Amino acid sequence: MILTFRLLGVSLMRMSYKTNHKIISTIITATFLTILIMYLFLQEKVHASSSTTFVIDNNAIYHDTAFLSGGVLLLTIHTEPIVVHVGNFFRIQAMVLNNSPGTISFAAGPCDSTVSAIFNKNVVMKHELSCFAGPSAATHLVKLRPGEKVSIVGTPIGTTYQAVASGPTIASVTFQYQLGTGANASIIKSFELNIMHS
């Protein structure tokens, strides 16, 4: 009788161990999958909102962190006006930081800008023949020394952006500039904007 109770106790302990092991394994697997899904989701959001590509002389493309320790960066990109409604015309504004060891230069003015954008949806890019900013709106060359930053606004000459549908839109913004060596370079960064109903 005592032997029977001992065998029964051992069987219950084994069953309990196996059951506990299955429960713990299930919890660990579920936790791992949840973390993995959250990681993939966050990576996708980060990629969509802050993907950066650098191009120098159209010969090489460097993605994301290649120049973070010594390059030109686009910061705080947004539209002007900040809130865009369906039907609105708008421009792109960004802060350019020269984090490189040399001076860079680029053209700036109301009728000519080295900032351009491509939108994945909800925006129509129109090309016009002229700029109506007036005769005093001359284009000038901006020189940005190492460590300096400046706010830039614009669209390429004769180009306008018009919101035609509401909803989130991804814009790939390109900033073109010239290195101190005379080589042409550009940086591309994406950001998301939400177009409101009219």
N, C-alpha and C. Protein backbone atom coordinates (compact mmCIF):
# COMPACT_ATOMS: atom_id res chain seq x y z
N MET A 1 0.83 -1.18 0.00
CA MET A 1 0.00 0.00 0.00
C MET A 1 0.88 1.26 0.00
N ILE A 2 1.89 1.24 0.89
CA ILE A 2 2.81 2.37 0.95
C ILE A 2 3.55 2.50 -0.38
N LEU A 3 3.94 1.40 -0.96
CA LEU A 3 4.62 1.39 -2.25
C LEU A 3 3.72 1.98 -3.33
N THR A 4 2.44 1.64 -3.27
CA THR A 4 1.49 2.17 -4.25
C THR A 4 1.39 3.69 -4.15
N PHE A 5 1.31 4.23 -2.91
CA PHE A 5 1.23 5.68 -2.74
C PHE A 5 2.51 6.37 -3.20
N ARG A 6 3.65 5.73 -2.96
CA ARG A 6 4.92 6.31 -3.42
C ARG A 6 4.97 6.35 -4.95
N LEU A 7 4.56 5.26 -5.58
CA LEU A 7 4.54 5.23 -7.05
C LEU A 7 3.57 6.27 -7.60
N LEU A 8 2.43 6.41 -6.94
CA LEU A 8 1.43 7.40 -7.37
C LEU A 8 2.00 8.82 -7.20
N GLY A 9 2.68 9.05 -6.09
CA GLY A 9 3.30 10.37 -5.84
C GLY A 9 4.34 10.70 -6.88
N VAL A 10 5.19 9.72 -7.20
CA VAL A 10 6.22 9.92 -8.24
C VAL A 10 5.55 10.20 -9.58
N SER A 11 4.50 9.48 -9.91
CA SER A 11 3.78 9.70 -11.18
C SER A 11 3.19 11.10 -11.22
N LEU A 12 2.59 11.56 -10.11
CA LEU A 12 2.02 12.91 -10.07
C LEU A 12 3.11 13.96 -10.20
N MET A 13 4.26 13.72 -9.55
CA MET A 13 5.36 14.67 -9.66
C MET A 13 5.88 14.73 -11.09
N ARG A 14 5.98 13.58 -11.74
CA ARG A 14 6.43 13.56 -13.14
C ARG A 14 5.42 14.26 -14.04
N MET A 15 4.15 13.97 -13.82
CA MET A 15 3.11 14.64 -14.61
C MET A 15 3.16 16.14 -14.37
N SER A 16 3.31 16.52 -13.13
CA SER A 16 3.36 17.92 -12.79
C SER A 16 4.58 18.58 -13.43
N TYR A 17 5.72 17.90 -13.38
CA TYR A 17 6.93 18.42 -14.01
C TYR A 17 6.73 18.59 -15.51
N LYS A 18 6.16 17.56 -16.16
CA LYS A 18 5.93 17.63 -17.60
C LYS A 18 4.94 18.74 -17.93
N THR A 19 3.88 18.84 -17.14
CA THR A 19 2.88 19.89 -17.36
C THR A 19 3.50 21.26 -17.16
N ASN A 20 4.24 21.42 -16.06
CA ASN A 20 4.91 22.70 -15.81
C ASN A 20 5.91 23.03 -16.90
N HIS A 21 6.64 22.04 -17.36
CA HIS A 21 7.61 22.25 -18.43
C HIS A 21 6.91 22.72 -19.70
N LYS A 22 5.77 22.11 -20.02
CA LYS A 22 5.02 22.52 -21.21
C LYS A 22 4.50 23.94 -21.06
N ILE A 23 3.99 24.28 -19.88
CA ILE A 23 3.47 25.64 -19.64
C ILE A 23 4.59 26.67 -19.75
N ILE A 24 5.72 26.37 -19.12
CA ILE A 24 6.86 27.29 -19.17
C ILE A 24 7.38 27.44 -20.59
N SER A 25 7.47 26.33 -21.31
CA SER A 25 7.92 26.38 -22.71
C SER A 25 6.97 27.21 -23.55
N THR A 26 5.68 27.06 -23.33
CA THR A 26 4.69 27.83 -24.08
C THR A 26 4.82 29.32 -23.78
N ILE A 27 5.00 29.67 -22.51
CA ILE A 27 5.14 31.07 -22.13
C ILE A 27 6.41 31.67 -22.75
N ILE A 28 7.51 30.93 -22.70
CA ILE A 28 8.77 31.43 -23.28
C ILE A 28 8.63 31.61 -24.78
N THR A 29 8.02 30.65 -25.45
CA THR A 29 7.83 30.75 -26.91
C THR A 29 6.94 31.93 -27.26
N ALA A 30 5.84 32.10 -26.53
CA ALA A 30 4.92 33.22 -26.80
C ALA A 30 5.60 34.55 -26.56
N THR A 31 6.39 34.65 -25.50
CA THR A 31 7.12 35.89 -25.21
C THR A 31 8.13 36.19 -26.31
N PHE A 32 8.87 35.19 -26.73
CA PHE A 32 9.84 35.37 -27.80
C PHE A 32 9.17 35.83 -29.09
N LEU A 33 8.06 35.20 -29.46
CA LEU A 33 7.35 35.59 -30.68
C LEU A 33 6.80 37.01 -30.58
N THR A 34 6.29 37.38 -29.41
CA THR A 34 5.78 38.74 -29.22
C THR A 34 6.89 39.75 -29.37
N ILE A 35 8.05 39.48 -28.76
CA ILE A 35 9.19 40.40 -28.89
C ILE A 35 9.65 40.49 -30.33
N LEU A 36 9.70 39.37 -31.02
CA LEU A 36 10.12 39.35 -32.42
C LEU A 36 9.17 40.16 -33.29
N ILE A 37 7.88 39.99 -33.10
CA ILE A 37 6.88 40.73 -33.90
C ILE A 37 6.98 42.21 -33.60
N MET A 38 7.12 42.58 -32.33
CA MET A 38 7.25 44.00 -31.98
C MET A 38 8.52 44.59 -32.59
N TYR A 39 9.62 43.83 -32.55
CA TYR A 39 10.87 44.30 -33.13
C TYR A 39 10.72 44.56 -34.63
N LEU A 40 10.11 43.59 -35.34
CA LEU A 40 9.93 43.75 -36.79
C LEU A 40 9.03 44.94 -37.09
N PHE A 41 7.97 45.11 -36.30
CA PHE A 41 7.05 46.24 -36.50
C PHE A 41 7.78 47.56 -36.28
N LEU A 42 8.54 47.66 -35.19
CA LEU A 42 9.26 48.89 -34.90
C LEU A 42 10.33 49.17 -35.94
N GLN A 43 11.02 48.14 -36.41
CA GLN A 43 12.01 48.32 -37.46
C GLN A 43 11.37 48.87 -38.71
N GLU A 44 10.21 48.36 -39.08
CA GLU A 44 9.50 48.84 -40.27
C GLU A 44 9.11 50.31 -40.11
N LYS A 45 8.61 50.69 -38.89
CA LYS A 45 8.22 52.07 -38.65
C LYS A 45 9.44 52.99 -38.71
N VAL A 46 10.55 52.55 -38.09
CA VAL A 46 11.77 53.36 -38.11
C VAL A 46 12.27 53.51 -39.54
N HIS A 47 12.27 52.41 -40.30
CA HIS A 47 12.73 52.47 -41.68
C HIS A 47 11.86 53.41 -42.50
N ALA A 48 10.57 53.35 -42.29
CA ALA A 48 9.65 54.18 -43.07
C ALA A 48 9.81 55.65 -42.72
N SER A 49 10.13 55.96 -41.48
CA SER A 49 10.15 57.35 -41.09
C SER A 49 11.53 57.98 -41.11
N SER A 50 12.60 57.22 -41.18
CA SER A 50 13.90 57.84 -41.13
C SER A 50 14.96 57.16 -41.98
N SER A 51 14.57 56.61 -43.07
CA SER A 51 15.55 56.00 -43.95
C SER A 51 16.40 57.08 -44.61
N THR A 52 17.71 56.90 -44.60
CA THR A 52 18.62 57.90 -45.16
C THR A 52 19.59 57.23 -46.13
N THR A 53 19.79 57.86 -47.28
CA THR A 53 20.74 57.36 -48.27
C THR A 53 21.63 58.51 -48.71
N PHE A 54 22.92 58.26 -48.83
CA PHE A 54 23.86 59.27 -49.31
C PHE A 54 24.39 58.86 -50.67
N VAL A 55 24.49 59.81 -51.60
CA VAL A 55 25.03 59.53 -52.93
C VAL A 55 26.11 60.57 -53.22
N ILE A 56 27.27 60.10 -53.62
CA ILE A 56 28.35 61.02 -53.99
C ILE A 56 28.75 60.75 -55.43
N ASP A 57 28.65 61.80 -56.24
CA ASP A 57 29.00 61.74 -57.67
C ASP A 57 28.31 60.61 -58.41
N ASN A 58 27.16 60.18 -57.93
CA ASN A 58 26.37 59.13 -58.57
C ASN A 58 27.14 57.82 -58.76
N ASN A 59 28.27 57.67 -58.09
CA ASN A 59 29.06 56.45 -58.24
C ASN A 59 28.84 55.47 -57.10
N ALA A 60 28.50 55.97 -55.93
CA ALA A 60 28.36 55.08 -54.78
C ALA A 60 27.18 55.52 -53.93
N ILE A 61 26.52 54.57 -53.34
CA ILE A 61 25.39 54.86 -52.45
C ILE A 61 25.72 54.31 -51.08
N TYR A 62 25.56 55.14 -50.06
CA TYR A 62 25.83 54.73 -48.69
C TYR A 62 24.53 54.87 -47.91
N HIS A 63 24.14 53.82 -47.19
CA HIS A 63 22.88 53.84 -46.46
C HIS A 63 23.10 54.12 -44.98
N ASP A 64 22.15 54.85 -44.41
CA ASP A 64 21.99 55.09 -42.98
C ASP A 64 23.25 55.54 -42.25
N THR A 65 23.94 54.66 -41.53
CA THR A 65 24.97 55.11 -40.61
C THR A 65 26.32 55.35 -41.25
N ALA A 66 26.44 55.22 -42.55
CA ALA A 66 27.74 55.34 -43.20
C ALA A 66 28.40 56.68 -42.93
N PHE A 67 27.61 57.77 -42.88
CA PHE A 67 28.19 59.09 -42.72
C PHE A 67 27.77 59.77 -41.42
N LEU A 68 27.13 59.05 -40.52
CA LEU A 68 26.62 59.71 -39.32
C LEU A 68 27.75 60.34 -38.50
N SER A 69 28.96 59.81 -38.59
CA SER A 69 30.06 60.39 -37.84
C SER A 69 30.79 61.46 -38.63
N GLY A 70 30.43 61.70 -39.87
CA GLY A 70 31.14 62.71 -40.64
C GLY A 70 30.48 63.03 -41.95
N GLY A 71 29.23 63.40 -41.95
CA GLY A 71 28.56 63.70 -43.21
C GLY A 71 27.57 64.82 -43.08
N VAL A 72 26.77 64.99 -44.11
CA VAL A 72 25.73 66.00 -44.15
C VAL A 72 24.42 65.32 -43.78
N LEU A 73 23.67 65.92 -42.86
CA LEU A 73 22.45 65.30 -42.36
C LEU A 73 21.25 66.20 -42.61
N LEU A 74 20.11 65.58 -42.90
CA LEU A 74 18.83 66.29 -42.97
C LEU A 74 18.08 66.03 -41.67
N LEU A 75 17.74 67.09 -40.97
CA LEU A 75 17.05 66.98 -39.69
C LEU A 75 15.70 67.69 -39.76
N THR A 76 14.80 67.31 -38.91
CA THR A 76 13.47 67.94 -38.75
C THR A 76 12.82 68.33 -40.08
N ILE A 77 12.55 67.35 -40.90
CA ILE A 77 11.87 67.60 -42.17
C ILE A 77 10.37 67.74 -41.91
N HIS A 78 9.77 68.73 -42.52
CA HIS A 78 8.31 68.89 -42.45
C HIS A 78 7.84 69.71 -43.64
N THR A 79 6.54 69.84 -43.76
CA THR A 79 5.97 70.61 -44.87
C THR A 79 5.77 72.05 -44.43
N GLU A 80 5.64 72.93 -45.40
CA GLU A 80 5.28 74.33 -45.17
C GLU A 80 4.11 74.67 -46.08
N PRO A 81 2.92 74.85 -45.52
CA PRO A 81 2.56 74.89 -44.10
C PRO A 81 2.67 73.52 -43.44
N ILE A 82 2.74 73.52 -42.12
CA ILE A 82 2.92 72.27 -41.39
C ILE A 82 1.72 71.35 -41.54
N VAL A 83 0.50 71.93 -41.47
CA VAL A 83 -0.72 71.13 -41.68
C VAL A 83 -1.15 71.30 -43.13
N VAL A 84 -1.22 70.19 -43.85
CA VAL A 84 -1.57 70.22 -45.27
C VAL A 84 -2.96 69.58 -45.44
N HIS A 85 -3.85 70.29 -46.12
CA HIS A 85 -5.19 69.79 -46.42
C HIS A 85 -5.28 69.45 -47.91
N VAL A 86 -6.22 68.61 -48.25
CA VAL A 86 -6.45 68.27 -49.66
C VAL A 86 -6.70 69.55 -50.43
N GLY A 87 -6.02 69.71 -51.55
CA GLY A 87 -6.14 70.91 -52.38
C GLY A 87 -5.02 71.91 -52.15
N ASN A 88 -4.32 71.83 -51.00
CA ASN A 88 -3.25 72.77 -50.68
C ASN A 88 -2.00 72.53 -51.52
N PHE A 89 -1.33 73.63 -51.87
CA PHE A 89 0.02 73.57 -52.40
C PHE A 89 0.95 73.72 -51.20
N PHE A 90 2.10 73.05 -51.22
CA PHE A 90 3.01 73.14 -50.09
C PHE A 90 4.44 72.96 -50.55
N ARG A 91 5.36 73.27 -49.65
CA ARG A 91 6.79 73.10 -49.91
C ARG A 91 7.39 72.22 -48.81
N ILE A 92 8.64 71.86 -48.99
CA ILE A 92 9.36 71.04 -48.02
C ILE A 92 10.35 71.93 -47.28
N GLN A 93 10.41 71.76 -45.95
CA GLN A 93 11.40 72.48 -45.15
C GLN A 93 12.20 71.46 -44.35
N ALA A 94 13.51 71.71 -44.26
CA ALA A 94 14.39 70.80 -43.51
C ALA A 94 15.55 71.58 -42.93
N MET A 95 16.13 71.03 -41.88
CA MET A 95 17.35 71.59 -41.30
C MET A 95 18.52 70.77 -41.85
N VAL A 96 19.50 71.46 -42.43
CA VAL A 96 20.70 70.80 -42.95
C VAL A 96 21.82 71.01 -41.96
N LEU A 97 22.44 69.93 -41.53
CA LEU A 97 23.58 70.00 -40.62
C LEU A 97 24.82 69.48 -41.35
N ASN A 98 25.84 70.31 -41.42
CA ASN A 98 27.10 69.89 -42.02
C ASN A 98 27.96 69.25 -40.93
N ASN A 99 27.91 67.95 -40.84
CA ASN A 99 28.67 67.21 -39.84
C ASN A 99 29.93 66.63 -40.46
N SER A 100 30.34 67.19 -41.60
CA SER A 100 31.53 66.71 -42.30
C SER A 100 32.73 67.59 -41.94
N PRO A 101 33.94 67.16 -42.28
CA PRO A 101 35.12 67.97 -41.96
C PRO A 101 35.37 69.13 -42.93
N GLY A 102 34.61 69.21 -44.02
CA GLY A 102 34.83 70.27 -45.01
C GLY A 102 33.59 71.11 -45.24
N THR A 103 33.78 72.25 -45.89
CA THR A 103 32.68 73.15 -46.23
C THR A 103 31.89 72.59 -47.41
N ILE A 104 30.57 72.72 -47.35
CA ILE A 104 29.71 72.34 -48.47
C ILE A 104 29.01 73.59 -48.97
N SER A 105 28.53 73.54 -50.19
CA SER A 105 27.80 74.69 -50.75
C SER A 105 26.60 74.19 -51.55
N PHE A 106 25.59 75.07 -51.64
CA PHE A 106 24.39 74.74 -52.40
C PHE A 106 23.64 76.02 -52.74
N ALA A 107 22.81 75.94 -53.78
CA ALA A 107 22.03 77.09 -54.22
C ALA A 107 20.76 77.18 -53.37
N ALA A 108 20.35 78.41 -53.07
CA ALA A 108 19.13 78.63 -52.30
C ALA A 108 18.44 79.89 -52.81
N GLY A 109 17.15 79.82 -52.87
CA GLY A 109 16.35 80.96 -53.30
C GLY A 109 14.92 80.53 -53.51
N PRO A 110 13.98 81.47 -53.56
CA PRO A 110 12.57 81.12 -53.71
C PRO A 110 12.23 80.49 -55.05
N CYS A 111 13.05 80.73 -56.06
CA CYS A 111 12.77 80.16 -57.37
C CYS A 111 13.69 78.99 -57.72
N ASP A 112 14.61 78.71 -56.87
CA ASP A 112 15.51 77.59 -57.14
C ASP A 112 15.95 77.00 -55.81
N SER A 113 15.83 75.72 -55.68
CA SER A 113 16.22 75.05 -54.45
C SER A 113 16.83 73.70 -54.78
N THR A 114 17.75 73.27 -53.95
CA THR A 114 18.36 71.96 -54.15
C THR A 114 17.64 70.90 -53.32
N VAL A 115 16.45 71.24 -52.85
CA VAL A 115 15.61 70.29 -52.12
C VAL A 115 14.47 69.85 -53.02
N SER A 116 14.27 68.55 -53.13
CA SER A 116 13.15 68.02 -53.92
C SER A 116 12.57 66.82 -53.20
N ALA A 117 11.37 66.42 -53.60
CA ALA A 117 10.72 65.28 -52.94
C ALA A 117 9.94 64.46 -53.95
N ILE A 118 9.83 63.18 -53.67
CA ILE A 118 8.98 62.26 -54.42
C ILE A 118 8.04 61.63 -53.41
N PHE A 119 6.74 61.62 -53.73
CA PHE A 119 5.72 61.13 -52.81
C PHE A 119 5.15 59.81 -53.32
N ASN A 120 4.87 58.89 -52.39
CA ASN A 120 4.37 57.58 -52.82
C ASN A 120 2.89 57.62 -53.17
N LYS A 121 2.13 58.61 -52.67
CA LYS A 121 0.71 58.74 -53.00
C LYS A 121 0.18 60.05 -52.46
N ASN A 122 -1.04 60.40 -52.86
CA ASN A 122 -1.81 61.54 -52.33
C ASN A 122 -1.27 62.92 -52.70
N VAL A 123 -0.18 62.99 -53.46
CA VAL A 123 0.39 64.28 -53.86
C VAL A 123 0.69 64.26 -55.35
N VAL A 124 0.36 65.38 -56.01
CA VAL A 124 0.67 65.52 -57.43
C VAL A 124 1.78 66.56 -57.56
N MET A 125 2.80 66.20 -58.31
CA MET A 125 3.90 67.13 -58.59
C MET A 125 3.62 67.78 -59.93
N LYS A 126 3.57 69.11 -59.95
CA LYS A 126 3.30 69.84 -61.18
C LYS A 126 4.52 70.64 -61.58
N HIS A 127 4.74 70.73 -62.90
CA HIS A 127 5.87 71.49 -63.43
C HIS A 127 5.33 72.69 -64.19
N GLU A 128 5.78 73.88 -63.76
CA GLU A 128 5.37 75.12 -64.41
C GLU A 128 6.57 75.73 -65.11
N LEU A 129 6.30 76.71 -65.95
CA LEU A 129 7.37 77.28 -66.76
C LEU A 129 8.18 78.36 -66.06
N SER A 130 7.60 79.02 -65.07
CA SER A 130 8.32 80.14 -64.47
C SER A 130 8.05 80.24 -62.98
N CYS A 131 8.80 81.14 -62.36
CA CYS A 131 8.65 81.41 -60.93
C CYS A 131 8.11 82.82 -60.79
N PHE A 132 7.18 83.03 -59.87
CA PHE A 132 6.54 84.33 -59.71
C PHE A 132 6.96 85.02 -58.41
N ALA A 133 8.19 84.83 -58.00
CA ALA A 133 8.63 85.41 -56.73
C ALA A 133 9.07 86.86 -56.88
N GLY A 134 9.21 87.36 -58.09
CA GLY A 134 9.59 88.76 -58.29
C GLY A 134 11.06 88.91 -58.63
N PRO A 135 11.44 90.10 -59.14
CA PRO A 135 12.81 90.31 -59.60
C PRO A 135 13.84 90.33 -58.47
N SER A 136 13.42 90.65 -57.23
CA SER A 136 14.38 90.74 -56.13
C SER A 136 14.70 89.37 -55.53
N ALA A 137 14.03 88.33 -56.01
CA ALA A 137 14.21 86.99 -55.44
C ALA A 137 15.32 86.25 -56.17
N ALA A 138 16.54 86.66 -55.93
CA ALA A 138 17.69 86.06 -56.61
C ALA A 138 18.15 84.81 -55.88
N THR A 139 18.69 83.89 -56.65
CA THR A 139 19.27 82.69 -56.08
C THR A 139 20.69 83.01 -55.63
N HIS A 140 21.07 82.55 -54.46
CA HIS A 140 22.42 82.78 -53.97
C HIS A 140 23.05 81.47 -53.52
N LEU A 141 24.36 81.47 -53.45
CA LEU A 141 25.12 80.28 -53.07
C LEU A 141 25.34 80.31 -51.56
N VAL A 142 24.92 79.26 -50.89
CA VAL A 142 25.11 79.15 -49.44
C VAL A 142 26.31 78.26 -49.19
N LYS A 143 27.21 78.72 -48.31
CA LYS A 143 28.36 77.91 -47.91
C LYS A 143 28.18 77.56 -46.44
N LEU A 144 28.25 76.27 -46.16
CA LEU A 144 28.02 75.77 -44.81
C LEU A 144 29.31 75.12 -44.30
N ARG A 145 29.92 75.76 -43.30
CA ARG A 145 31.17 75.24 -42.73
C ARG A 145 30.89 74.06 -41.80
N PRO A 146 31.91 73.29 -41.46
CA PRO A 146 31.72 72.14 -40.56
C PRO A 146 31.07 72.56 -39.24
N GLY A 147 30.05 71.80 -38.84
CA GLY A 147 29.35 72.07 -37.58
C GLY A 147 28.20 73.05 -37.72
N GLU A 148 28.08 73.73 -38.86
CA GLU A 148 27.01 74.71 -39.03
C GLU A 148 25.75 74.01 -39.55
N LYS A 149 24.61 74.65 -39.26
CA LYS A 149 23.34 74.15 -39.78
C LYS A 149 22.49 75.32 -40.23
N VAL A 150 21.59 75.03 -41.17
CA VAL A 150 20.72 76.06 -41.71
C VAL A 150 19.40 75.44 -42.12
N SER A 151 18.34 76.21 -42.02
CA SER A 151 17.03 75.74 -42.45
C SER A 151 16.87 76.05 -43.94
N ILE A 152 16.39 75.08 -44.70
CA ILE A 152 16.17 75.27 -46.13
C ILE A 152 14.72 74.96 -46.47
N VAL A 153 14.19 75.70 -47.43
CA VAL A 153 12.81 75.52 -47.86
C VAL A 153 12.81 75.51 -49.37
N GLY A 154 11.92 74.71 -49.94
CA GLY A 154 11.79 74.84 -51.37
C GLY A 154 11.28 73.64 -52.10
N THR A 155 11.23 73.86 -53.38
CA THR A 155 10.99 72.84 -54.40
C THR A 155 11.91 73.23 -55.55
N PRO A 156 12.24 72.32 -56.42
CA PRO A 156 13.06 72.70 -57.58
C PRO A 156 12.34 73.75 -58.43
N ILE A 157 13.08 74.48 -59.21
CA ILE A 157 12.50 75.55 -60.01
C ILE A 157 11.37 75.03 -60.91
N GLY A 158 10.26 75.74 -60.89
CA GLY A 158 9.12 75.38 -61.72
C GLY A 158 8.33 74.18 -61.24
N THR A 159 8.56 73.73 -60.01
CA THR A 159 7.87 72.55 -59.49
C THR A 159 6.98 72.93 -58.32
N THR A 160 5.78 72.36 -58.28
CA THR A 160 4.90 72.56 -57.14
C THR A 160 4.39 71.21 -56.66
N TYR A 161 4.07 71.13 -55.37
CA TYR A 161 3.48 69.94 -54.78
C TYR A 161 2.06 70.29 -54.33
N GLN A 162 1.09 69.49 -54.76
CA GLN A 162 -0.29 69.72 -54.36
C GLN A 162 -0.89 68.44 -53.79
N ALA A 163 -1.51 68.58 -52.61
CA ALA A 163 -2.17 67.44 -51.97
C ALA A 163 -3.49 67.18 -52.69
N VAL A 164 -3.71 65.94 -53.11
CA VAL A 164 -4.93 65.63 -53.87
C VAL A 164 -5.81 64.59 -53.17
N ALA A 165 -5.31 63.97 -52.10
CA ALA A 165 -6.10 62.99 -51.35
C ALA A 165 -5.61 62.98 -49.91
N SER A 166 -6.50 62.62 -48.99
CA SER A 166 -6.13 62.61 -47.58
C SER A 166 -5.49 61.28 -47.20
N GLY A 167 -4.78 61.30 -46.08
CA GLY A 167 -4.16 60.09 -45.55
C GLY A 167 -2.66 60.21 -45.43
N PRO A 168 -2.03 59.19 -44.84
CA PRO A 168 -0.58 59.21 -44.68
C PRO A 168 0.15 59.03 -46.00
N THR A 169 1.26 59.72 -46.14
CA THR A 169 2.05 59.70 -47.37
C THR A 169 3.53 59.66 -46.99
N ILE A 170 4.29 58.85 -47.69
CA ILE A 170 5.74 58.82 -47.48
C ILE A 170 6.41 59.66 -48.55
N ALA A 171 7.26 60.58 -48.11
CA ALA A 171 8.01 61.44 -49.03
C ALA A 171 9.48 61.11 -48.94
N SER A 172 10.13 60.95 -50.09
CA SER A 172 11.58 60.79 -50.14
C SER A 172 12.17 62.13 -50.54
N VAL A 173 12.85 62.77 -49.60
CA VAL A 173 13.38 64.12 -49.81
C VAL A 173 14.85 64.02 -50.19
N THR A 174 15.22 64.71 -51.26
CA THR A 174 16.61 64.73 -51.73
C THR A 174 17.17 66.14 -51.56
N PHE A 175 18.35 66.22 -50.98
CA PHE A 175 19.07 67.48 -50.85
C PHE A 175 20.38 67.34 -51.61
N GLN A 176 20.59 68.22 -52.60
CA GLN A 176 21.81 68.17 -53.42
C GLN A 176 22.74 69.30 -53.01
N TYR A 177 24.02 68.99 -52.95
CA TYR A 177 25.01 69.99 -52.55
C TYR A 177 26.34 69.68 -53.22
N GLN A 178 27.31 70.55 -52.98
CA GLN A 178 28.63 70.37 -53.58
C GLN A 178 29.67 70.32 -52.46
N LEU A 179 30.58 69.36 -52.57
CA LEU A 179 31.67 69.24 -51.61
C LEU A 179 32.75 70.28 -51.90
N GLY A 180 33.64 70.48 -50.93
CA GLY A 180 34.74 71.43 -51.13
C GLY A 180 35.64 71.05 -52.29
N THR A 181 35.67 69.77 -52.64
CA THR A 181 36.50 69.30 -53.75
C THR A 181 35.86 69.60 -55.11
N GLY A 182 34.61 70.06 -55.09
CA GLY A 182 33.89 70.32 -56.33
C GLY A 182 32.99 69.17 -56.75
N ALA A 183 33.07 68.05 -56.04
CA ALA A 183 32.22 66.90 -56.39
C ALA A 183 30.78 67.16 -55.96
N ASN A 184 29.86 66.72 -56.78
CA ASN A 184 28.44 66.83 -56.45
C ASN A 184 28.03 65.68 -55.55
N ALA A 185 27.19 65.95 -54.58
CA ALA A 185 26.74 64.93 -53.65
C ALA A 185 25.28 65.18 -53.31
N SER A 186 24.62 64.18 -52.76
CA SER A 186 23.23 64.34 -52.34
C SER A 186 22.93 63.38 -51.20
N ILE A 187 21.92 63.73 -50.45
CA ILE A 187 21.44 62.89 -49.37
C ILE A 187 19.94 62.72 -49.55
N ILE A 188 19.43 61.52 -49.31
CA ILE A 188 18.01 61.23 -49.45
C ILE A 188 17.50 60.74 -48.10
N LYS A 189 16.43 61.35 -47.64
CA LYS A 189 15.83 60.92 -46.37
C LYS A 189 14.31 60.90 -46.53
N SER A 190 13.68 59.88 -45.99
CA SER A 190 12.22 59.78 -46.10
C SER A 190 11.56 60.22 -44.81
N PHE A 191 10.35 60.75 -44.94
CA PHE A 191 9.55 61.09 -43.77
C PHE A 191 8.08 60.91 -44.13
N GLU A 192 7.26 60.79 -43.11
CA GLU A 192 5.83 60.56 -43.32
C GLU A 192 5.04 61.80 -42.97
N LEU A 193 4.09 62.17 -43.84
CA LEU A 193 3.19 63.27 -43.54
C LEU A 193 1.76 62.76 -43.67
N ASN A 194 0.87 63.41 -42.94
CA ASN A 194 -0.54 63.02 -42.98
C ASN A 194 -1.35 64.16 -43.56
N ILE A 195 -1.93 63.94 -44.72
CA ILE A 195 -2.72 64.98 -45.39
C ILE A 195 -4.15 64.91 -44.85
N MET A 196 -4.64 66.08 -44.44
CA MET A 196 -5.97 66.17 -43.82
C MET A 196 -7.05 66.42 -44.88
N HIS A 197 -8.30 66.08 -44.53
CA HIS A 197 -9.43 66.39 -45.41
C HIS A 197 -9.54 67.89 -45.60
N SER A 198 -10.08 68.32 -46.71
CA SER A 198 -10.22 69.75 -46.98
C SER A 198 -11.32 70.36 -46.14
